[in-house]
N, C-alpha and C. Protein backbone atom coordinates (compact mmCIF):
# COMPACT_ATOMS: atom_id res chain seq x y z
N MET A 1 120.07 -99.21 -53.14
CA MET A 1 118.60 -99.53 -53.14
C MET A 1 118.33 -99.86 -51.75
N ASP A 2 119.18 -99.80 -50.75
CA ASP A 2 118.80 -99.88 -49.62
C ASP A 2 118.02 -98.33 -49.10
N GLY A 3 118.50 -97.11 -49.63
CA GLY A 3 118.15 -95.93 -49.18
C GLY A 3 116.39 -95.84 -49.89
N GLU A 4 116.46 -96.56 -51.30
CA GLU A 4 115.01 -96.40 -52.00
C GLU A 4 114.24 -97.44 -51.17
N THR A 5 114.33 -98.33 -50.51
CA THR A 5 113.78 -99.17 -49.86
C THR A 5 113.10 -98.51 -48.68
N LYS A 6 114.22 -97.78 -47.93
CA LYS A 6 113.82 -97.30 -46.45
C LYS A 6 112.91 -96.19 -46.83
N GLN A 7 113.25 -95.45 -48.21
CA GLN A 7 112.27 -94.35 -48.45
C GLN A 7 110.79 -94.75 -48.59
N GLY A 8 110.87 -96.00 -49.58
CA GLY A 8 109.57 -96.58 -49.79
C GLY A 8 108.85 -97.11 -48.64
N ASP A 9 109.49 -97.56 -47.58
CA ASP A 9 108.75 -98.17 -46.41
C ASP A 9 108.36 -97.06 -45.56
N ASN A 10 109.03 -95.89 -45.48
CA ASN A 10 108.57 -94.55 -44.63
C ASN A 10 107.38 -94.07 -45.35
N MET A 11 107.34 -94.11 -46.82
CA MET A 11 106.08 -93.53 -47.38
C MET A 11 104.84 -94.48 -47.34
N ALA A 12 105.28 -95.84 -47.10
CA ALA A 12 103.99 -96.65 -46.87
C ALA A 12 103.72 -96.56 -45.34
N ALA A 13 104.59 -96.46 -44.68
CA ALA A 13 104.12 -96.12 -43.24
C ALA A 13 103.48 -94.89 -42.82
N ARG A 14 103.75 -93.86 -43.80
CA ARG A 14 103.15 -92.60 -43.50
C ARG A 14 101.59 -92.77 -44.08
N LYS A 15 101.49 -93.38 -45.13
CA LYS A 15 100.23 -93.53 -45.67
C LYS A 15 99.25 -94.47 -44.86
N THR A 16 99.89 -95.40 -44.46
CA THR A 16 99.09 -96.26 -43.39
C THR A 16 98.69 -95.76 -42.07
N SER A 17 99.81 -94.69 -41.77
CA SER A 17 99.62 -93.91 -40.52
C SER A 17 98.37 -93.02 -40.83
N THR A 18 98.38 -92.28 -41.92
CA THR A 18 97.37 -91.22 -42.35
C THR A 18 96.12 -91.90 -42.46
N ARG A 19 96.00 -93.20 -43.00
CA ARG A 19 94.63 -94.01 -43.17
C ARG A 19 94.15 -94.33 -41.81
N LYS A 20 95.04 -94.63 -40.89
CA LYS A 20 94.60 -95.00 -39.49
C LYS A 20 94.10 -93.78 -39.00
N SER A 21 95.03 -92.78 -39.07
CA SER A 21 94.41 -91.51 -38.45
C SER A 21 92.95 -91.06 -38.95
N SER A 22 92.92 -91.13 -40.10
CA SER A 22 91.60 -91.03 -41.05
C SER A 22 90.44 -91.80 -40.35
N HIS A 23 90.81 -93.10 -40.43
CA HIS A 23 89.84 -93.99 -39.86
C HIS A 23 89.41 -93.80 -38.56
N SER A 24 90.62 -93.58 -37.68
CA SER A 24 90.18 -93.26 -36.23
C SER A 24 89.28 -91.78 -36.14
N ALA A 25 89.71 -90.72 -36.83
CA ALA A 25 88.88 -89.75 -36.85
C ALA A 25 87.45 -89.84 -37.23
N ALA A 26 87.05 -90.77 -38.19
CA ALA A 26 85.83 -91.24 -38.67
C ALA A 26 85.12 -92.01 -37.60
N ARG A 27 85.78 -92.68 -36.88
CA ARG A 27 85.21 -93.68 -35.79
C ARG A 27 84.77 -92.61 -34.65
N SER A 28 85.62 -91.65 -34.39
CA SER A 28 85.39 -90.59 -33.40
C SER A 28 84.16 -89.87 -33.71
N ARG A 29 83.98 -89.50 -34.91
CA ARG A 29 82.89 -88.77 -35.44
C ARG A 29 81.51 -89.48 -35.04
N ALA A 30 81.75 -90.93 -35.85
CA ALA A 30 80.57 -91.63 -35.55
C ALA A 30 80.27 -91.98 -34.28
N ALA A 31 81.11 -92.19 -33.30
CA ALA A 31 80.70 -92.16 -31.72
C ALA A 31 80.12 -91.13 -31.39
N ALA A 32 80.60 -90.00 -31.74
CA ALA A 32 80.06 -88.76 -31.21
C ALA A 32 78.49 -88.67 -31.56
N ARG A 33 78.35 -88.91 -33.00
CA ARG A 33 76.97 -88.85 -33.41
C ARG A 33 75.92 -89.99 -32.96
N ILE A 34 76.68 -91.08 -32.34
CA ILE A 34 75.84 -92.08 -31.71
C ILE A 34 75.35 -91.54 -30.51
N ALA A 35 76.51 -91.24 -29.81
CA ALA A 35 76.11 -90.40 -28.31
C ALA A 35 75.19 -89.37 -28.46
N HIS A 36 75.30 -88.49 -29.51
CA HIS A 36 74.38 -87.41 -29.36
C HIS A 36 72.96 -87.96 -29.59
N THR A 37 72.93 -88.98 -30.52
CA THR A 37 71.45 -89.46 -31.19
C THR A 37 70.89 -90.04 -29.90
N SER A 38 71.77 -91.01 -29.28
CA SER A 38 71.17 -91.76 -28.11
C SER A 38 70.81 -90.80 -26.96
N SER A 39 71.64 -89.64 -26.66
CA SER A 39 71.09 -88.77 -25.58
C SER A 39 69.95 -88.18 -26.20
N THR A 40 69.72 -87.84 -27.44
CA THR A 40 68.59 -87.16 -27.69
C THR A 40 67.54 -88.14 -27.65
N GLN A 41 67.55 -89.34 -27.90
CA GLN A 41 66.61 -90.38 -28.00
C GLN A 41 65.80 -90.52 -26.44
N ARG A 42 67.26 -90.65 -25.57
CA ARG A 42 66.97 -90.59 -24.20
C ARG A 42 65.92 -89.50 -23.62
N ARG A 43 66.28 -88.30 -24.27
CA ARG A 43 65.43 -87.09 -23.63
C ARG A 43 64.08 -87.27 -24.29
N VAL A 44 63.94 -87.62 -25.50
CA VAL A 44 62.59 -87.82 -26.09
C VAL A 44 61.63 -88.94 -25.17
N VAL A 45 62.42 -90.02 -24.95
CA VAL A 45 61.74 -90.93 -24.16
C VAL A 45 61.37 -90.42 -22.81
N LYS A 46 62.22 -89.73 -22.27
CA LYS A 46 62.12 -89.33 -20.84
C LYS A 46 60.92 -88.46 -20.95
N THR A 47 60.85 -87.64 -22.00
CA THR A 47 59.60 -86.45 -21.84
C THR A 47 58.11 -87.07 -22.39
N ARG A 48 58.20 -88.06 -23.01
CA ARG A 48 57.06 -88.93 -23.36
C ARG A 48 56.67 -89.97 -22.33
N GLU A 49 57.63 -90.21 -21.28
CA GLU A 49 57.27 -91.21 -20.25
C GLU A 49 55.74 -90.87 -19.65
N GLY A 50 54.98 -91.65 -19.55
CA GLY A 50 53.77 -91.57 -18.79
C GLY A 50 52.70 -90.82 -19.70
N ARG A 51 53.03 -90.28 -20.45
CA ARG A 51 52.02 -89.32 -21.52
C ARG A 51 51.26 -90.18 -22.40
N THR A 52 50.32 -89.96 -22.71
CA THR A 52 49.46 -90.60 -23.57
C THR A 52 48.61 -89.61 -24.50
N LYS A 53 48.08 -90.03 -25.55
CA LYS A 53 47.45 -89.20 -26.55
C LYS A 53 45.79 -89.42 -26.04
N THR A 54 45.48 -90.39 -25.61
CA THR A 54 44.18 -90.76 -24.90
C THR A 54 44.20 -90.64 -23.45
N GLU A 55 43.36 -89.64 -22.96
CA GLU A 55 43.13 -89.38 -21.49
C GLU A 55 42.81 -90.58 -20.82
N GLY A 56 43.43 -90.99 -19.55
CA GLY A 56 43.28 -92.02 -18.98
C GLY A 56 44.00 -93.40 -19.41
N ALA A 57 44.69 -93.41 -20.60
CA ALA A 57 45.12 -94.66 -21.08
C ALA A 57 46.61 -94.88 -20.43
N ILE A 58 46.89 -96.31 -20.53
CA ILE A 58 48.18 -96.50 -19.93
C ILE A 58 49.05 -96.75 -21.00
N ARG A 59 50.45 -96.30 -20.69
CA ARG A 59 51.64 -96.13 -21.56
C ARG A 59 52.36 -97.37 -21.26
N GLY A 60 52.64 -98.06 -22.39
CA GLY A 60 53.52 -99.53 -22.54
C GLY A 60 54.78 -99.00 -22.47
N GLY A 61 55.95 -100.08 -22.23
CA GLY A 61 57.17 -99.61 -22.34
C GLY A 61 57.67 -99.37 -20.88
N ASP A 62 58.94 -99.04 -20.85
CA ASP A 62 59.71 -98.56 -19.55
C ASP A 62 59.60 -99.73 -18.51
N GLY A 63 59.64 -100.98 -18.89
CA GLY A 63 59.37 -102.09 -17.85
C GLY A 63 58.01 -102.67 -17.89
N LYS A 64 57.03 -101.81 -18.67
CA LYS A 64 55.68 -102.59 -18.59
C LYS A 64 55.38 -102.96 -20.25
N TYR A 65 55.25 -104.31 -20.23
CA TYR A 65 55.40 -105.05 -21.44
C TYR A 65 54.27 -105.91 -21.63
N GLN A 66 53.35 -106.18 -20.47
CA GLN A 66 52.21 -107.29 -20.33
C GLN A 66 51.07 -106.60 -19.89
N PHE A 67 49.67 -106.44 -20.46
CA PHE A 67 48.61 -106.06 -19.72
C PHE A 67 47.51 -107.15 -19.76
N ALA A 68 46.92 -106.99 -18.61
CA ALA A 68 45.57 -107.91 -18.88
C ALA A 68 44.44 -106.92 -19.16
N LEU A 69 44.23 -106.74 -20.52
CA LEU A 69 43.43 -105.78 -21.24
C LEU A 69 41.91 -105.78 -20.56
N ALA A 70 41.14 -106.81 -20.17
CA ALA A 70 40.02 -106.81 -19.65
C ALA A 70 39.91 -106.17 -18.36
N GLN A 71 41.32 -105.85 -17.83
CA GLN A 71 41.31 -105.31 -16.47
C GLN A 71 41.83 -103.80 -16.53
N VAL A 72 42.36 -103.43 -17.58
CA VAL A 72 42.82 -102.17 -17.78
C VAL A 72 41.86 -101.00 -17.63
N LYS A 73 42.14 -100.01 -16.75
CA LYS A 73 41.20 -98.96 -16.46
C LYS A 73 40.18 -98.53 -17.70
N ASP A 74 38.88 -98.39 -17.22
CA ASP A 74 37.95 -98.13 -18.38
C ASP A 74 37.93 -96.58 -18.81
N VAL A 75 38.08 -96.20 -19.76
CA VAL A 75 38.07 -94.86 -20.21
C VAL A 75 37.13 -94.51 -21.38
N PRO A 76 36.28 -93.24 -21.54
CA PRO A 76 35.91 -92.95 -22.83
C PRO A 76 36.56 -93.38 -24.07
N ALA A 77 35.78 -93.80 -25.14
CA ALA A 77 36.56 -94.05 -26.35
C ALA A 77 35.91 -93.49 -27.49
N GLY A 78 34.99 -92.59 -27.33
CA GLY A 78 34.00 -91.94 -28.18
C GLY A 78 33.33 -90.84 -27.49
N THR A 79 33.89 -90.13 -26.76
CA THR A 79 33.39 -88.77 -25.96
C THR A 79 32.58 -88.15 -27.14
N GLY A 80 31.47 -87.75 -27.05
CA GLY A 80 30.65 -86.74 -27.90
C GLY A 80 29.91 -87.51 -28.82
N TYR A 81 30.18 -88.54 -29.10
CA TYR A 81 29.68 -89.37 -30.46
C TYR A 81 29.19 -90.81 -30.29
N SER A 82 29.76 -91.55 -29.29
CA SER A 82 29.61 -92.87 -29.01
C SER A 82 29.82 -93.26 -27.85
N THR A 83 28.93 -94.46 -27.62
CA THR A 83 29.03 -95.06 -26.27
C THR A 83 30.14 -96.11 -26.12
N SER A 84 31.08 -96.12 -26.95
CA SER A 84 32.36 -96.94 -26.46
C SER A 84 33.10 -96.45 -25.22
N HIS A 85 33.53 -97.46 -24.66
CA HIS A 85 34.57 -97.43 -23.35
C HIS A 85 35.24 -98.50 -23.30
N GLY A 86 36.37 -98.34 -22.61
CA GLY A 86 37.42 -99.56 -22.23
C GLY A 86 38.51 -99.38 -21.88
N GLY A 87 39.51 -100.25 -21.76
CA GLY A 87 40.77 -100.09 -21.41
C GLY A 87 41.79 -99.74 -22.70
N VAL A 88 42.53 -98.86 -22.61
CA VAL A 88 43.35 -98.45 -23.65
C VAL A 88 44.84 -98.45 -23.15
N VAL A 89 45.69 -99.01 -24.15
CA VAL A 89 47.11 -99.16 -23.72
C VAL A 89 47.76 -98.42 -25.27
N GLU A 90 48.77 -97.59 -24.89
CA GLU A 90 49.34 -96.85 -25.93
C GLU A 90 50.95 -97.22 -26.05
N GLY A 91 51.44 -97.61 -27.12
CA GLY A 91 52.95 -97.66 -27.42
C GLY A 91 53.39 -96.36 -27.74
N GLU A 92 54.70 -96.54 -28.54
CA GLU A 92 55.18 -95.19 -29.28
C GLU A 92 54.46 -95.02 -30.39
N ARG A 93 53.91 -95.95 -31.28
CA ARG A 93 53.62 -95.82 -32.57
C ARG A 93 51.86 -96.25 -32.84
N MET A 94 51.37 -97.15 -31.71
CA MET A 94 50.03 -97.70 -31.91
C MET A 94 49.32 -97.81 -30.60
N LEU A 95 48.15 -98.00 -30.65
CA LEU A 95 47.37 -97.98 -29.37
C LEU A 95 46.38 -99.30 -29.87
N VAL A 96 45.93 -99.96 -28.72
CA VAL A 96 45.01 -101.01 -28.51
C VAL A 96 44.06 -100.67 -27.57
N GLY A 97 42.79 -101.05 -27.87
CA GLY A 97 41.74 -100.63 -26.73
C GLY A 97 41.01 -102.05 -26.78
N TYR A 98 40.50 -102.11 -25.43
CA TYR A 98 39.51 -103.44 -25.23
C TYR A 98 38.09 -102.53 -24.95
N ILE A 99 37.32 -102.69 -26.09
CA ILE A 99 36.23 -101.75 -26.13
C ILE A 99 34.91 -102.40 -26.03
N HIS A 100 33.89 -101.75 -25.20
CA HIS A 100 32.60 -102.27 -25.02
C HIS A 100 31.70 -101.32 -25.75
N LYS A 101 30.55 -101.90 -26.24
CA LYS A 101 29.25 -100.94 -26.64
C LYS A 101 27.99 -101.82 -26.17
N GLU A 102 27.26 -101.29 -25.48
CA GLU A 102 25.97 -102.02 -24.85
C GLU A 102 25.17 -102.17 -26.16
N ARG A 103 24.45 -103.21 -26.11
CA ARG A 103 23.57 -103.52 -27.46
C ARG A 103 22.42 -102.46 -27.60
N GLY A 104 22.45 -102.16 -28.94
CA GLY A 104 21.48 -101.09 -29.25
C GLY A 104 22.13 -99.66 -29.11
N THR A 105 23.41 -99.68 -29.17
CA THR A 105 23.99 -98.39 -28.84
C THR A 105 25.16 -98.16 -29.58
N GLY A 106 25.84 -97.06 -29.83
CA GLY A 106 27.04 -96.95 -30.66
C GLY A 106 27.56 -95.70 -31.23
N SER A 107 28.03 -95.60 -32.12
CA SER A 107 28.40 -94.09 -32.69
C SER A 107 27.91 -93.52 -33.75
N ARG A 108 27.61 -92.33 -33.58
CA ARG A 108 27.16 -91.71 -34.82
C ARG A 108 28.35 -91.52 -35.82
N MET A 109 27.96 -91.18 -37.10
CA MET A 109 28.93 -91.05 -38.06
C MET A 109 29.96 -90.10 -37.47
N HIS A 110 31.52 -90.68 -37.63
CA HIS A 110 32.54 -89.84 -37.25
C HIS A 110 33.79 -90.20 -38.21
N THR A 111 34.86 -89.53 -37.89
CA THR A 111 36.10 -89.90 -38.48
C THR A 111 37.18 -89.55 -37.55
N HIS A 112 38.29 -90.00 -37.85
CA HIS A 112 39.45 -89.62 -37.01
C HIS A 112 40.88 -90.13 -37.96
N LYS A 113 41.98 -89.44 -37.76
CA LYS A 113 43.21 -89.37 -38.56
C LYS A 113 43.72 -90.83 -38.69
N ASN A 114 43.57 -91.68 -37.57
CA ASN A 114 44.01 -92.91 -37.40
C ASN A 114 43.54 -93.96 -38.24
N GLU A 115 44.23 -94.79 -38.80
CA GLU A 115 43.77 -95.92 -39.57
C GLU A 115 43.59 -96.89 -38.25
N GLN A 116 42.55 -97.86 -38.60
CA GLN A 116 42.23 -98.53 -37.41
C GLN A 116 41.62 -100.13 -37.87
N PHE A 117 41.90 -101.10 -37.06
CA PHE A 117 41.37 -102.22 -37.12
C PHE A 117 40.32 -102.68 -35.85
N ASN A 118 39.15 -103.07 -36.19
CA ASN A 118 38.22 -103.47 -34.94
C ASN A 118 38.16 -105.13 -35.27
N TYR A 119 38.49 -105.92 -34.32
CA TYR A 119 38.30 -107.41 -34.16
C TYR A 119 37.07 -107.50 -33.02
N VAL A 120 35.96 -108.13 -33.68
CA VAL A 120 34.89 -108.35 -32.80
C VAL A 120 35.19 -109.65 -32.12
N VAL A 121 35.03 -109.54 -30.71
CA VAL A 121 35.11 -110.46 -29.74
C VAL A 121 33.82 -111.12 -29.35
N ARG A 122 32.65 -110.24 -29.29
CA ARG A 122 31.65 -110.59 -28.60
C ARG A 122 30.49 -109.67 -29.29
N GLY A 123 29.40 -110.47 -29.39
CA GLY A 123 28.19 -109.66 -30.06
C GLY A 123 28.35 -109.36 -31.57
N THR A 124 27.73 -108.36 -32.19
CA THR A 124 27.81 -108.01 -33.54
C THR A 124 27.74 -106.56 -33.56
N LEU A 125 28.75 -106.00 -34.53
CA LEU A 125 28.58 -104.53 -34.96
C LEU A 125 28.17 -104.42 -36.15
N VAL A 126 27.08 -103.43 -36.34
CA VAL A 126 26.43 -103.10 -37.56
C VAL A 126 26.68 -101.51 -37.97
N GLY A 127 26.93 -101.37 -39.22
CA GLY A 127 26.88 -99.97 -39.53
C GLY A 127 27.45 -99.73 -41.08
N SER A 128 28.48 -98.69 -41.23
CA SER A 128 29.04 -98.61 -42.40
C SER A 128 30.33 -97.94 -42.21
N VAL A 129 31.25 -98.42 -43.27
CA VAL A 129 32.54 -97.62 -43.29
C VAL A 129 32.61 -97.05 -44.86
N ASN A 130 32.97 -95.94 -44.93
CA ASN A 130 32.95 -95.20 -46.27
C ASN A 130 31.64 -95.57 -46.85
N GLY A 131 30.68 -95.62 -46.52
CA GLY A 131 29.33 -95.60 -47.26
C GLY A 131 29.10 -97.09 -47.50
N LYS A 132 29.89 -98.13 -47.14
CA LYS A 132 29.80 -99.45 -47.56
C LYS A 132 28.97 -100.37 -46.03
N ARG A 133 28.15 -100.98 -46.27
CA ARG A 133 27.59 -101.54 -45.36
C ARG A 133 28.03 -102.60 -44.32
N VAL A 134 28.18 -102.64 -43.15
CA VAL A 134 29.05 -103.71 -42.27
C VAL A 134 28.15 -104.43 -41.44
N VAL A 135 28.31 -105.68 -41.54
CA VAL A 135 27.75 -106.45 -40.41
C VAL A 135 28.86 -107.59 -39.93
N ALA A 136 29.29 -107.33 -38.75
CA ALA A 136 30.37 -107.96 -38.31
C ALA A 136 29.98 -108.67 -36.89
N PRO A 137 29.76 -110.12 -37.03
CA PRO A 137 29.56 -110.99 -35.77
C PRO A 137 31.01 -111.26 -35.25
N ALA A 138 30.94 -111.98 -34.06
CA ALA A 138 32.11 -112.28 -33.52
C ALA A 138 33.00 -112.98 -34.26
N GLY A 139 34.27 -112.72 -34.26
CA GLY A 139 35.36 -113.48 -35.13
C GLY A 139 35.52 -112.84 -36.42
N THR A 140 34.81 -111.28 -36.54
CA THR A 140 35.26 -110.77 -37.62
C THR A 140 36.02 -109.28 -37.60
N LEU A 141 36.99 -109.06 -38.38
CA LEU A 141 38.02 -108.09 -38.50
C LEU A 141 37.30 -107.01 -39.40
N ILE A 142 37.17 -105.65 -39.03
CA ILE A 142 36.71 -104.67 -39.61
C ILE A 142 37.88 -103.60 -39.85
N TYR A 143 38.00 -103.08 -41.25
CA TYR A 143 39.37 -102.33 -41.45
C TYR A 143 38.48 -100.85 -41.74
N ILE A 144 39.09 -100.01 -40.86
CA ILE A 144 38.63 -98.42 -41.30
C ILE A 144 40.02 -97.68 -41.50
N PRO A 145 39.68 -97.21 -42.93
CA PRO A 145 41.21 -96.53 -43.28
C PRO A 145 41.05 -95.07 -42.68
N ALA A 146 42.10 -94.37 -42.39
CA ALA A 146 42.13 -93.17 -42.07
C ALA A 146 41.25 -92.08 -42.75
N ASN A 147 40.67 -91.32 -41.86
CA ASN A 147 39.55 -90.35 -42.14
C ASN A 147 38.42 -90.87 -42.92
N ALA A 148 38.24 -92.05 -42.87
CA ALA A 148 37.09 -92.60 -43.48
C ALA A 148 35.75 -92.47 -42.51
N PRO A 149 34.48 -91.91 -43.24
CA PRO A 149 33.47 -91.69 -42.35
C PRO A 149 33.00 -93.15 -42.06
N HIS A 150 32.59 -93.31 -40.69
CA HIS A 150 32.12 -94.49 -40.17
C HIS A 150 31.18 -94.34 -39.04
N THR A 151 30.32 -95.48 -38.88
CA THR A 151 29.39 -95.52 -37.68
C THR A 151 29.24 -96.97 -37.44
N LEU A 152 29.40 -97.35 -36.24
CA LEU A 152 29.25 -98.88 -35.99
C LEU A 152 28.29 -98.77 -34.56
N VAL A 153 27.35 -99.79 -34.62
CA VAL A 153 26.35 -99.88 -33.45
C VAL A 153 26.40 -101.48 -32.87
N ALA A 154 26.26 -101.59 -31.82
CA ALA A 154 26.19 -102.99 -31.15
C ALA A 154 24.74 -103.42 -31.54
N ALA A 155 24.60 -104.50 -32.36
CA ALA A 155 23.09 -105.09 -32.83
C ALA A 155 22.45 -105.11 -31.55
N ALA A 156 21.05 -104.64 -31.65
CA ALA A 156 19.92 -104.87 -30.63
C ALA A 156 19.81 -106.37 -30.43
N HIS A 157 19.70 -107.18 -31.60
CA HIS A 157 19.35 -108.60 -31.46
C HIS A 157 20.32 -109.22 -30.86
N ASP A 158 21.56 -109.03 -30.55
CA ASP A 158 22.65 -109.76 -30.10
C ASP A 158 23.01 -109.29 -28.68
N GLU A 159 24.30 -109.73 -27.97
CA GLU A 159 24.66 -109.26 -26.74
C GLU A 159 25.40 -108.14 -26.76
N ASP A 160 25.81 -107.44 -25.76
CA ASP A 160 26.67 -106.35 -25.78
C ASP A 160 27.99 -106.65 -26.52
N VAL A 161 28.48 -105.61 -27.18
CA VAL A 161 29.75 -106.16 -28.20
C VAL A 161 31.02 -105.82 -27.18
N ILE A 162 32.01 -106.61 -27.53
CA ILE A 162 33.41 -106.44 -26.85
C ILE A 162 34.21 -106.45 -28.33
N PHE A 163 35.13 -105.33 -28.47
CA PHE A 163 36.05 -105.60 -29.62
C PHE A 163 37.23 -105.05 -29.29
N ILE A 164 38.45 -105.52 -30.06
CA ILE A 164 39.65 -105.13 -29.90
C ILE A 164 39.89 -104.05 -31.05
N ALA A 165 40.20 -102.69 -30.50
CA ALA A 165 40.56 -101.86 -31.65
C ALA A 165 41.98 -101.43 -31.62
N ILE A 166 42.50 -101.42 -32.63
CA ILE A 166 43.94 -101.15 -32.88
C ILE A 166 44.03 -100.10 -33.91
N LYS A 167 44.80 -99.04 -33.28
CA LYS A 167 44.89 -97.85 -34.26
C LYS A 167 46.32 -97.59 -34.02
N ASP A 168 46.91 -96.87 -35.22
CA ASP A 168 48.02 -95.93 -35.20
C ASP A 168 47.94 -94.74 -34.15
N LEU A 169 48.97 -94.04 -33.92
CA LEU A 169 48.89 -93.10 -32.90
C LEU A 169 49.04 -91.78 -33.61
N SER A 170 48.55 -91.41 -34.60
CA SER A 170 48.36 -90.03 -35.37
C SER A 170 47.57 -89.13 -34.53
N GLN A 171 46.52 -89.82 -33.66
CA GLN A 171 45.73 -89.27 -32.60
C GLN A 171 45.52 -90.14 -31.58
N GLY A 172 44.68 -89.77 -30.56
CA GLY A 172 44.33 -90.77 -29.72
C GLY A 172 43.01 -91.56 -30.00
N ILE A 173 42.47 -92.23 -29.03
CA ILE A 173 41.25 -93.24 -29.64
C ILE A 173 39.98 -92.32 -30.07
N ILE A 174 39.92 -91.18 -29.49
CA ILE A 174 38.54 -90.43 -29.85
C ILE A 174 38.75 -89.56 -31.22
N GLY A 175 37.77 -89.62 -31.93
CA GLY A 175 37.70 -88.89 -33.30
C GLY A 175 36.79 -87.69 -33.02
N LYS A 176 36.18 -87.36 -34.19
CA LYS A 176 35.12 -86.24 -34.22
C LYS A 176 33.97 -86.65 -35.20
N ALA A 177 32.64 -86.27 -34.47
CA ALA A 177 31.66 -86.51 -35.37
C ALA A 177 31.53 -85.70 -36.55
N VAL A 178 31.10 -86.17 -37.88
CA VAL A 178 31.11 -85.75 -39.05
C VAL A 178 30.43 -84.40 -39.09
N ASP A 179 29.03 -84.39 -38.40
CA ASP A 179 28.30 -83.23 -38.39
C ASP A 179 28.73 -82.08 -37.59
N GLY A 180 29.99 -82.54 -36.85
CA GLY A 180 30.73 -81.29 -35.77
C GLY A 180 29.93 -81.03 -34.79
N MET A 181 29.09 -81.83 -34.48
CA MET A 181 27.83 -81.84 -33.21
C MET A 181 28.49 -82.88 -32.23
N MET A 182 29.25 -82.56 -31.16
CA MET A 182 29.74 -83.54 -30.24
C MET A 182 28.48 -83.64 -29.25
N THR A 183 27.41 -84.22 -29.78
CA THR A 183 26.25 -84.10 -28.96
C THR A 183 25.72 -85.47 -28.14
N GLY A 184 26.33 -86.24 -28.64
CA GLY A 184 26.11 -87.77 -27.87
C GLY A 184 26.15 -89.01 -28.74
N PRO A 185 26.07 -89.96 -28.42
CA PRO A 185 26.02 -91.14 -29.08
C PRO A 185 24.76 -91.61 -29.79
N LEU A 186 24.68 -92.64 -30.55
CA LEU A 186 23.62 -93.17 -31.38
C LEU A 186 22.91 -94.29 -30.48
N TYR A 187 21.56 -94.10 -30.24
CA TYR A 187 20.91 -95.10 -29.72
C TYR A 187 19.98 -95.59 -30.36
N GLU A 188 19.71 -96.83 -30.57
CA GLU A 188 18.55 -97.44 -31.34
C GLU A 188 17.28 -97.22 -30.62
N LYS A 189 16.04 -97.16 -31.22
CA LYS A 189 14.82 -97.24 -30.41
C LYS A 189 14.89 -98.26 -29.41
N GLY A 190 14.40 -97.92 -28.03
CA GLY A 190 14.17 -98.73 -26.96
C GLY A 190 15.59 -98.79 -26.06
N PHE A 191 16.72 -98.29 -26.67
CA PHE A 191 18.02 -98.48 -26.12
C PHE A 191 18.62 -97.15 -25.36
N GLY A 192 17.90 -95.92 -25.63
CA GLY A 192 18.41 -94.63 -25.32
C GLY A 192 17.96 -94.40 -23.73
N PRO A 193 18.88 -93.47 -23.13
CA PRO A 193 18.69 -93.33 -21.81
C PRO A 193 17.50 -92.96 -21.25
N ARG A 194 16.45 -92.20 -22.00
CA ARG A 194 15.14 -91.82 -21.78
C ARG A 194 14.13 -93.06 -22.43
N ASP A 195 14.46 -93.90 -22.91
CA ASP A 195 13.42 -95.09 -23.51
C ASP A 195 12.99 -96.03 -22.20
């Protein structure tokens, strides 16, 4: 019986050793995958540092986590079809803009790949989204689906508009005019540069 017990103990020890070796190899492979993934992520982050999809926007992260939005550098936010301008901060997957439109001015019908929310802080935005009329005074949130044709103007009867634009980063903040003509913004009568 002693011989059988020793043989059984040896087999159990070999199985345990094989199991430990198998677990150890799996841990090593997992550690190598994690190291490779981390290395790849570091390279991706390094190549994206400082780059934004919106020209002139600020990049969040890498130690920059708080922004005084009203003081962020002013950039065009609708070149070719809108008077929108303001500070833009981009993260990895989203952007936020502190956007201004002078009263009586705004955007011609346009679209963009981004899904968007506009929260009106001051003034009133009027226009349409997907053919549905919008009248949005301060305190109103406007939802704009991706690729939805829309136009928004700062109401002439109210003060200049400030709104917070929140978009995914499928592209930068600037879209494209529906008519394909990037010939300038929309001006209500009496508010144009030549009026």
